[in-house]
Structure formats: C-alpha cells, structure tokens
Amino acid sequence: MKVTIPARTYSLTNQREHWAKKARRAKNERGWAYSLTGDIKKLGLPLTVRLTRVAPRRLDDDNLRGALKSIRDGVADRIGVDDGDPRVTWIYMQRTGKSKEYAVEIEAAA
C-alpha cells in the first residue's frame, strides 16, 4: 500500500509559533494520514510502515522524526494501535523534491 499526502512538514524542534497554530497543523496532518490510509488495517500485524518526507531541503535525523510525528500518529490511529506498539516498525526516510514540492509518502507492507 502506498499513499501520498500533499503536506509540508516542519521540524517541530525549530518552530517558534503560537501553540494554537501548531496544534491545528498537527490535527490536520493526523487527520490526513488517518483518512488516506483506509486499507492499511487489511495488511494485518506485524507491519512495516515507511514514512518519506519530500521537500527541497533535508532535515537531520531527529528533526525528521519530529516533523513526521503527527503523520505517524494518524497512521497508528488507523491501524488501531499505539504508535509505540512493537508489532509496527517505523522507517523514516526523506528525499529532495523540486523547489516548492512538499509531500509525505506512506508505504506499508506486512
């Protein structure tokens, strides 16, 4: 299963913004991930989920994980497990996109 979310993710550790704006963005990202991964539960557990951030600039590893946190939470909600469940392996990747190209690709396999 593979889906693409046309979302721009930000490094949360470097963002300086009002808490309400941050919460609204997290809610939207989580909702998109939940909505667009409707068939993921059919794959069963254990499961490997690859989250790939597409953006013009790369993030270091810890910022990459933070930027994809809400997406991970939405996918875990859809699967019906806590995002720390050991039956789900999370893989974080990123690739450089064109100028102003932002997305998150979600791939899942049993």
Protein backbone atom coordinates (compact mmCIF):
# COMPACT_ATOMS: atom_id res chain seq x y z
CA MET A 1 0.00 0.00 0.00
CA LYS A 2 1.30 3.46 -0.87
CA VAL A 3 -0.31 6.88 -0.47
CA THR A 4 0.98 10.42 -0.82
CA ILE A 5 -0.15 13.30 1.35
CA PRO A 6 0.45 16.74 -0.18
CA ALA A 7 1.59 18.24 3.11
CA ARG A 8 4.51 20.41 4.11
CA THR A 9 6.00 19.10 7.33
CA TYR A 10 8.13 21.21 9.63
CA SER A 11 10.82 20.43 12.14
CA LEU A 12 8.91 20.94 15.37
CA THR A 13 12.04 21.47 17.42
CA ASN A 14 12.93 24.55 15.39
CA GLN A 15 9.47 26.09 15.05
CA ARG A 16 8.64 29.15 17.10
CA GLU A 17 4.93 29.65 16.72
CA HIS A 18 1.75 30.03 18.70
CA TRP A 19 0.55 26.81 20.32
CA ALA A 20 -2.86 27.01 18.59
CA LYS A 21 -1.32 27.16 15.12
CA LYS A 22 0.94 24.23 15.95
CA ALA A 23 -1.99 22.20 17.32
CA ARG A 24 -4.14 22.95 14.24
CA ARG A 25 -1.39 21.79 11.89
CA ALA A 26 -0.82 18.60 13.91
CA LYS A 27 -4.56 17.84 13.89
CA ASN A 28 -4.74 18.34 10.12
CA GLU A 29 -1.71 16.14 9.43
CA ARG A 30 -3.01 13.41 11.73
CA GLY A 31 -6.42 13.55 10.06
CA TRP A 32 -4.97 13.34 6.55
CA ALA A 33 -2.87 10.33 7.48
CA TYR A 34 -5.86 8.62 9.09
CA SER A 35 -8.18 9.35 6.14
CA LEU A 36 -5.81 8.35 3.37
CA THR A 37 -4.61 5.05 4.87
CA GLY A 38 -8.03 3.39 4.96
CA ASP A 39 -6.87 -0.03 3.69
CA ILE A 40 -3.82 -0.37 5.93
CA LYS A 41 -5.64 -2.48 8.53
CA LYS A 42 -6.20 -5.19 5.91
CA LEU A 43 -2.45 -5.86 5.84
CA GLY A 44 -2.54 -7.20 9.40
CA LEU A 45 0.20 -7.20 12.02
CA PRO A 46 3.20 -7.22 12.22
CA LEU A 47 3.59 -4.30 9.85
CA THR A 48 6.39 -2.13 8.48
CA VAL A 49 5.50 1.47 7.71
CA ARG A 50 7.86 3.73 5.77
CA LEU A 51 7.32 7.48 6.07
CA THR A 52 9.17 9.51 3.43
CA ARG A 53 9.32 13.30 3.67
CA VAL A 54 9.66 15.06 0.32
CA ALA A 55 10.95 18.64 0.46
CA PRO A 56 13.52 20.90 -1.19
CA ARG A 57 15.74 20.81 1.92
CA ARG A 58 16.74 17.88 4.09
CA LEU A 59 16.41 17.59 7.87
CA ASP A 60 18.76 15.78 10.23
CA ASP A 61 17.51 12.51 11.73
CA ASP A 62 15.99 13.78 14.98
CA ASN A 63 14.22 16.68 13.24
CA LEU A 64 12.92 14.30 10.58
CA ARG A 65 11.23 12.14 13.22
CA GLY A 66 9.69 15.21 14.85
CA ALA A 67 8.41 16.53 11.53
CA LEU A 68 6.59 13.25 10.85
CA LYS A 69 5.17 12.70 14.36
CA SER A 70 1.57 13.70 13.55
CA ILE A 71 1.59 11.59 10.39
CA ARG A 72 2.81 8.60 12.42
CA ASP A 73 0.07 9.16 14.99
CA GLY A 74 -2.61 9.25 12.28
CA VAL A 75 -1.38 6.01 10.71
CA ALA A 76 -1.25 4.32 14.13
CA ASP A 77 -4.82 5.51 14.81
CA ARG A 78 -5.96 3.90 11.54
CA ILE A 79 -4.19 0.63 12.34
CA GLY A 80 -5.81 0.70 15.78
CA VAL A 81 -2.61 0.53 17.84
CA ASP A 82 -0.44 2.85 19.90
CA ASP A 83 2.40 4.30 17.82
CA GLY A 84 4.86 2.59 20.17
CA ASP A 85 3.43 -0.90 19.57
CA PRO A 86 6.34 -3.29 18.86
CA ARG A 87 4.36 -5.03 16.10
CA VAL A 88 4.73 -1.93 13.93
CA THR A 89 8.18 -0.99 12.63
CA TRP A 90 8.55 2.64 11.60
CA ILE A 91 11.13 3.61 8.98
CA TYR A 92 11.90 7.28 8.34
CA MET A 93 13.29 8.47 5.04
CA GLN A 94 13.48 11.67 3.07
CA ARG A 95 14.22 12.73 -0.44
CA THR A 96 14.83 16.04 -2.04
CA GLY A 97 12.00 17.32 -4.17
CA LYS A 98 11.83 20.18 -6.62
CA SER A 99 11.52 23.75 -5.47
CA LYS A 100 8.24 24.15 -3.57
CA GLU A 101 7.47 20.41 -3.78
CA TYR A 102 6.28 19.11 -0.41
CA ALA A 103 4.67 15.77 0.43
CA VAL A 104 4.75 12.77 2.71
CA GLU A 105 4.72 9.30 1.17
CA ILE A 106 3.37 6.48 3.32
CA GLU A 107 4.19 2.90 2.36
CA ALA A 108 3.09 -0.12 4.35
CA ALA A 109 3.83 -3.83 3.99
CA ALA A 110 3.12 -6.86 6.14
